[in-house]
Amino acid sequence: MKWKKERILTSEEYITYISTHCEHITLEEPYKSAFYAGIKKAIMENDDKIVIIDTIPLYLVQKPQ
């Protein structure tokens, strides 16, 4: 079973969200700041919103009796 969810984030919310991903945590300066500034600029140029459409797989299991 799959569950679909749509989230709309501002540039600040999106940067906060991606800051939790290991690929971005390990970026070193000055690359990290430049990367986030580029993302913020792109989102700001598009009404300060980004739409994320997630497909989340749901696995249903039953506890053994």
PDB file of N, CA and C in Angstrom:
ATOM      1  N   MET A   1       0.845  -1.162   0.000  1.00  0.00           N
ATOM      2  CA  MET A   1       0.000   0.000   0.000  1.00  0.00           C
ATOM      3  C   MET A   1       0.894   1.230   0.000  1.00  0.00           C
ATOM      4  N   LYS A   2       0.515   2.254  -0.730  1.00  0.00           N
ATOM      5  CA  LYS A   2       1.276   3.495  -0.774  1.00  0.00           C
ATOM      6  C   LYS A   2       0.377   4.654  -0.378  1.00  0.00           C
ATOM      7  N   TRP A   3       0.982   5.590   0.310  1.00  0.00           N
ATOM      8  CA  TRP A   3       0.263   6.761   0.784  1.00  0.00           C
ATOM      9  C   TRP A   3       0.920   7.981   0.155  1.00  0.00           C
ATOM     10  N   LYS A   4       0.140   8.862  -0.425  1.00  0.00           N
ATOM     11  CA  LYS A   4       0.676  10.064  -1.063  1.00  0.00           C
ATOM     12  C   LYS A   4       0.424  11.263  -0.151  1.00  0.00           C
ATOM     13  N   LYS A   5       1.421  12.139  -0.099  1.00  0.00           N
ATOM     14  CA  LYS A   5       1.296  13.334   0.722  1.00  0.00           C
ATOM     15  C   LYS A   5       1.973  14.484  -0.009  1.00  0.00           C
ATOM     16  N   GLU A   6       1.344  15.642   0.026  1.00  0.00           N
ATOM     17  CA  GLU A   6       1.909  16.838  -0.587  1.00  0.00           C
ATOM     18  C   GLU A   6       2.226  17.844   0.506  1.00  0.00           C
ATOM     19  N   ARG A   7       3.442  18.373   0.461  1.00  0.00           N
ATOM     20  CA  ARG A   7       3.851  19.393   1.423  1.00  0.00           C
ATOM     21  C   ARG A   7       4.305  20.626   0.662  1.00  0.00           C
ATOM     22  N   ILE A   8       3.933  21.798   1.155  1.00  0.00           N
ATOM     23  CA  ILE A   8       4.377  23.055   0.568  1.00  0.00           C
ATOM     24  C   ILE A   8       5.235  23.746   1.621  1.00  0.00           C
ATOM     25  N   LEU A   9       6.486  24.020   1.251  1.00  0.00           N
ATOM     26  CA  LEU A   9       7.429  24.614   2.185  1.00  0.00           C
ATOM     27  C   LEU A   9       7.960  25.933   1.639  1.00  0.00           C
ATOM     28  N   THR A  10       8.300  26.853   2.551  1.00  0.00           N
ATOM     29  CA  THR A  10       8.992  28.077   2.163  1.00  0.00           C
ATOM     30  C   THR A  10      10.465  27.742   2.000  1.00  0.00           C
ATOM     31  N   SER A  11      11.233  28.689   1.517  1.00  0.00           N
ATOM     32  CA  SER A  11      12.667  28.456   1.336  1.00  0.00           C
ATOM     33  C   SER A  11      13.347  28.150   2.671  1.00  0.00           C
ATOM     34  N   GLU A  12      12.984  28.873   3.722  1.00  0.00           N
ATOM     35  CA  GLU A  12      13.578  28.627   5.040  1.00  0.00           C
ATOM     36  C   GLU A  12      13.196  27.243   5.566  1.00  0.00           C
ATOM     37  N   GLU A  13      11.936  26.874   5.403  1.00  0.00           N
ATOM     38  CA  GLU A  13      11.490  25.554   5.862  1.00  0.00           C
ATOM     39  C   GLU A  13      12.190  24.435   5.096  1.00  0.00           C
ATOM     40  N   TYR A  14      12.368  24.634   3.788  1.00  0.00           N
ATOM     41  CA  TYR A  14      13.016  23.603   2.975  1.00  0.00           C
ATOM     42  C   TYR A  14      14.486  23.455   3.352  1.00  0.00           C
ATOM     43  N   ILE A  15      15.168  24.562   3.568  1.00  0.00           N
ATOM     44  CA  ILE A  15      16.575  24.496   3.957  1.00  0.00           C
ATOM     45  C   ILE A  15      16.712  23.820   5.321  1.00  0.00           C
ATOM     46  N   THR A  16      15.817  24.123   6.234  1.00  0.00           N
ATOM     47  CA  THR A  16      15.830  23.445   7.534  1.00  0.00           C
ATOM     48  C   THR A  16      15.621  21.949   7.345  1.00  0.00           C
ATOM     49  N   TYR A  17      14.702  21.577   6.468  1.00  0.00           N
ATOM     50  CA  TYR A  17      14.416  20.168   6.198  1.00  0.00           C
ATOM     51  C   TYR A  17      15.629  19.453   5.599  1.00  0.00           C
ATOM     52  N   ILE A  18      16.230  20.020   4.550  1.00  0.00           N
ATOM     53  CA  ILE A  18      17.349  19.322   3.914  1.00  0.00           C
ATOM     54  C   ILE A  18      18.606  19.347   4.778  1.00  0.00           C
ATOM     55  N   SER A  19      18.655  20.243   5.732  1.00  0.00           N
ATOM     56  CA  SER A  19      19.809  20.296   6.639  1.00  0.00           C
ATOM     57  C   SER A  19      19.910  19.051   7.507  1.00  0.00           C
ATOM     58  N   THR A  20      18.849  18.253   7.533  1.00  0.00           N
ATOM     59  CA  THR A  20      18.854  17.026   8.331  1.00  0.00           C
ATOM     60  C   THR A  20      19.367  15.824   7.538  1.00  0.00           C
ATOM     61  N   HIS A  21      19.588  15.987   6.227  1.00  0.00           N
ATOM     62  CA  HIS A  21      20.053  14.882   5.392  1.00  0.00           C
ATOM     63  C   HIS A  21      21.568  14.749   5.492  1.00  0.00           C
ATOM     64  N   CYS A  22      22.041  13.531   5.625  1.00  0.00           N
ATOM     65  CA  CYS A  22      23.469  13.304   5.851  1.00  0.00           C
ATOM     66  C   CYS A  22      24.336  13.869   4.734  1.00  0.00           C
ATOM     67  N   GLU A  23      23.851  13.876   3.501  1.00  0.00           N
ATOM     68  CA  GLU A  23      24.646  14.425   2.400  1.00  0.00           C
ATOM     69  C   GLU A  23      24.936  15.901   2.605  1.00  0.00           C
ATOM     70  N   HIS A  24      23.983  16.604   3.212  1.00  0.00           N
ATOM     71  CA  HIS A  24      24.145  18.046   3.402  1.00  0.00           C
ATOM     72  C   HIS A  24      24.838  18.371   4.719  1.00  0.00           C
ATOM     73  N   ILE A  25      24.691  17.530   5.718  1.00  0.00           N
ATOM     74  CA  ILE A  25      25.361  17.747   7.003  1.00  0.00           C
ATOM     75  C   ILE A  25      26.873  17.699   6.819  1.00  0.00           C
ATOM     76  N   THR A  26      27.336  16.830   5.952  1.00  0.00           N
ATOM     77  CA  THR A  26      28.775  16.646   5.783  1.00  0.00           C
ATOM     78  C   THR A  26      29.422  17.651   4.828  1.00  0.00           C
ATOM     79  N   LEU A  27      28.633  18.496   4.188  1.00  0.00           N
ATOM     80  CA  LEU A  27      29.210  19.527   3.318  1.00  0.00           C
ATOM     81  C   LEU A  27      30.042  20.489   4.167  1.00  0.00           C
ATOM     82  N   GLU A  28      31.181  20.851   3.662  1.00  0.00           N
ATOM     83  CA  GLU A  28      32.039  21.784   4.383  1.00  0.00           C
ATOM     84  C   GLU A  28      31.896  23.182   3.798  1.00  0.00           C
ATOM     85  N   GLU A  29      32.243  24.169   4.608  1.00  0.00           N
ATOM     86  CA  GLU A  29      32.242  25.550   4.148  1.00  0.00           C
ATOM     87  C   GLU A  29      33.421  25.751   3.202  1.00  0.00           C
ATOM     88  N   PRO A  30      33.318  26.590   2.221  1.00  0.00           N
ATOM     89  CA  PRO A  30      32.223  27.510   1.926  1.00  0.00           C
ATOM     90  C   PRO A  30      31.139  26.900   1.053  1.00  0.00           C
ATOM     91  N   TYR A  31      31.270  25.593   0.760  1.00  0.00           N
ATOM     92  CA  TYR A  31      30.316  24.937  -0.147  1.00  0.00           C
ATOM     93  C   TYR A  31      28.911  24.852   0.434  1.00  0.00           C
ATOM     94  N   LYS A  32      28.818  24.603   1.734  1.00  0.00           N
ATOM     95  CA  LYS A  32      27.503  24.468   2.370  1.00  0.00           C
ATOM     96  C   LYS A  32      26.702  25.767   2.255  1.00  0.00           C
ATOM     97  N   SER A  33      27.317  26.886   2.609  1.00  0.00           N
ATOM     98  CA  SER A  33      26.617  28.182   2.541  1.00  0.00           C
ATOM     99  C   SER A  33      26.216  28.527   1.115  1.00  0.00           C
ATOM    100  N   ALA A  34      27.115  28.275   0.166  1.00  0.00           N
ATOM    101  CA  ALA A  34      26.806  28.573  -1.234  1.00  0.00           C
ATOM    102  C   ALA A  34      25.674  27.679  -1.745  1.00  0.00           C
ATOM    103  N   PHE A  35      25.679  26.426  -1.348  1.00  0.00           N
ATOM    104  CA  PHE A  35      24.632  25.474  -1.744  1.00  0.00           C
ATOM    105  C   PHE A  35      23.267  25.928  -1.225  1.00  0.00           C
ATOM    106  N   TYR A  36      23.201  26.249   0.067  1.00  0.00           N
ATOM    107  CA  TYR A  36      21.937  26.695   0.655  1.00  0.00           C
ATOM    108  C   TYR A  36      21.482  28.033   0.074  1.00  0.00           C
ATOM    109  N   ALA A  37      22.426  28.935  -0.197  1.00  0.00           N
ATOM    110  CA  ALA A  37      22.067  30.231  -0.785  1.00  0.00           C
ATOM    111  C   ALA A  37      21.476  30.043  -2.179  1.00  0.00           C
ATOM    112  N   GLY A  38      22.047  29.124  -2.957  1.00  0.00           N
ATOM    113  CA  GLY A  38      21.523  28.847  -4.291  1.00  0.00           C
ATOM    114  C   GLY A  38      20.124  28.255  -4.256  1.00  0.00           C
ATOM    115  N   ILE A  39      19.897  27.350  -3.323  1.00  0.00           N
ATOM    116  CA  ILE A  39      18.568  26.751  -3.179  1.00  0.00           C
ATOM    117  C   ILE A  39      17.563  27.812  -2.741  1.00  0.00           C
ATOM    118  N   LYS A  40      17.948  28.626  -1.768  1.00  0.00           N
ATOM    119  CA  LYS A  40      17.045  29.678  -1.281  1.00  0.00           C
ATOM    120  C   LYS A  40      16.685  30.629  -2.413  1.00  0.00           C
ATOM    121  N   LYS A  41      17.678  31.039  -3.212  1.00  0.00           N
ATOM    122  CA  LYS A  41      17.430  31.953  -4.334  1.00  0.00           C
ATOM    123  C   LYS A  41      16.451  31.342  -5.328  1.00  0.00           C
ATOM    124  N   ALA A  42      16.642  30.078  -5.671  1.00  0.00           N
ATOM    125  CA  ALA A  42      15.755  29.409  -6.634  1.00  0.00           C
ATOM    126  C   ALA A  42      14.321  29.338  -6.123  1.00  0.00           C
ATOM    127  N   ILE A  43      14.157  29.033  -4.842  1.00  0.00           N
ATOM    128  CA  ILE A  43      12.807  28.942  -4.269  1.00  0.00           C
ATOM    129  C   ILE A  43      12.176  30.325  -4.167  1.00  0.00           C
ATOM    130  N   MET A  44      12.968  31.324  -3.752  1.00  0.00           N
ATOM    131  CA  MET A  44      12.446  32.692  -3.639  1.00  0.00           C
ATOM    132  C   MET A  44      11.970  33.219  -4.996  1.00  0.00           C
ATOM    133  N   GLU A  45      12.652  32.816  -6.061  1.00  0.00           N
ATOM    134  CA  GLU A  45      12.252  33.239  -7.411  1.00  0.00           C
ATOM    135  C   GLU A  45      10.962  32.566  -7.860  1.00  0.00           C
ATOM    136  N   ASN A  46      10.497  31.590  -7.122  1.00  0.00           N
ATOM    137  CA  ASN A  46       9.261  30.871  -7.450  1.00  0.00           C
ATOM    138  C   ASN A  46       8.244  31.019  -6.330  1.00  0.00           C
ATOM    139  N   ASP A  47       7.969  32.269  -5.980  1.00  0.00           N
ATOM    140  CA  ASP A  47       6.946  32.623  -4.981  1.00  0.00           C
ATOM    141  C   ASP A  47       7.264  32.096  -3.587  1.00  0.00           C
ATOM    142  N   ASP A  48       8.523  31.861  -3.291  1.00  0.00           N
ATOM    143  CA  ASP A  48       8.975  31.367  -1.986  1.00  0.00           C
ATOM    144  C   ASP A  48       8.204  30.125  -1.546  1.00  0.00           C
ATOM    145  N   LYS A  49       8.016  29.203  -2.480  1.00  0.00           N
ATOM    146  CA  LYS A  49       7.396  27.932  -2.100  1.00  0.00           C
ATOM    147  C   LYS A  49       7.925  26.811  -2.976  1.00  0.00           C
ATOM    148  N   ILE A  50       8.045  25.664  -2.364  1.00  0.00           N
ATOM    149  CA  ILE A  50       8.426  24.450  -3.075  1.00  0.00           C
ATOM    150  C   ILE A  50       7.425  23.378  -2.671  1.00  0.00           C
ATOM    151  N   VAL A  51       6.970  22.622  -3.646  1.00  0.00           N
ATOM    152  CA  VAL A  51       5.988  21.573  -3.396  1.00  0.00           C
ATOM    153  C   VAL A  51       6.707  20.227  -3.444  1.00  0.00           C
ATOM    154  N   ILE A  52       6.569  19.481  -2.366  1.00  0.00           N
ATOM    155  CA  ILE A  52       7.144  18.142  -2.299  1.00  0.00           C
ATOM    156  C   ILE A  52       5.991  17.153  -2.330  1.00  0.00           C
ATOM    157  N   ILE A  53       6.029  16.256  -3.294  1.00  0.00           N
ATOM    158  CA  ILE A  53       5.002  15.220  -3.383  1.00  0.00           C
ATOM    159  C   ILE A  53       5.665  13.904  -3.006  1.00  0.00           C
ATOM    160  N   ASP A  54       5.318  13.405  -1.837  1.00  0.00           N
ATOM    161  CA  ASP A  54       5.896  12.174  -1.312  1.00  0.00           C
ATOM    162  C   ASP A  54       5.015  10.978  -1.633  1.00  0.00           C
ATOM    163  N   THR A  55       5.647   9.862  -1.904  1.00  0.00           N
ATOM    164  CA  THR A  55       4.965   8.578  -1.948  1.00  0.00           C
ATOM    165  C   THR A  55       5.595   7.737  -0.860  1.00  0.00           C
ATOM    166  N   ILE A  56       4.808   7.400   0.126  1.00  0.00           N
ATOM    167  CA  ILE A  56       5.315   6.695   1.296  1.00  0.00           C
ATOM    168  C   ILE A  56       4.768   5.273   1.279  1.00  0.00           C
ATOM    169  N   PRO A  57       5.662   4.284   1.155  1.00  0.00           N
ATOM    170  CA  PRO A  57       5.176   2.898   1.187  1.00  0.00           C
ATOM    171  C   PRO A  57       4.806   2.501   2.612  1.00  0.00           C
ATOM    172  N   LEU A  58       3.686   1.855   2.736  1.00  0.00           N
ATOM    173  CA  LEU A  58       3.237   1.373   4.043  1.00  0.00           C
ATOM    174  C   LEU A  58       3.294  -0.149   4.052  1.00  0.00           C
ATOM    175  N   TYR A  59       3.976  -0.659   5.031  1.00  0.00           N
ATOM    176  CA  TYR A  59       4.081  -2.114   5.182  1.00  0.00           C
ATOM    177  C   TYR A  59       3.287  -2.533   6.405  1.00  0.00           C
ATOM    178  N   LEU A  60       2.287  -3.339   6.176  1.00  0.00           N
ATOM    179  CA  LEU A  60       1.455  -3.800   7.267  1.00  0.00           C
ATOM    180  C   LEU A  60       1.888  -5.204   7.681  1.00  0.00           C
ATOM    181  N   VAL A  61       2.113  -5.371   8.940  1.00  0.00           N
ATOM    182  CA  VAL A  61       2.504  -6.680   9.452  1.00  0.00           C
ATOM    183  C   VAL A  61       1.629  -7.018  10.643  1.00  0.00           C
ATOM    184  N   GLN A  62       1.582  -8.258  10.938  1.00  0.00           N
ATOM    185  CA  GLN A  62       0.806  -8.694  12.085  1.00  0.00           C
ATOM    186  C   GLN A  62       1.781  -9.353  13.076  1.00  0.00           C
ATOM    187  N   LYS A  63       1.625  -8.975  14.308  1.00  0.00           N
ATOM    188  CA  LYS A  63       2.461  -9.526  15.353  1.00  0.00           C
ATOM    189  C   LYS A  63       2.158 -11.026  15.487  1.00  0.00           C
ATOM    190  N   PRO A  64       3.246 -11.846  15.536  1.00  0.00           N
ATOM    191  CA  PRO A  64       3.000 -13.288  15.700  1.00  0.00           C
ATOM    192  C   PRO A  64       2.278 -13.560  17.020  1.00  0.00           C
ATOM    193  N   GLN A  65       1.426 -14.557  16.990  1.00  0.00           N
ATOM    194  CA  GLN A  65       0.664 -14.879  18.216  1.00  0.00           C
ATOM    195  C   GLN A  65       1.284 -16.042  18.937  1.00  0.00           C
TER     196      GLN A  65
END
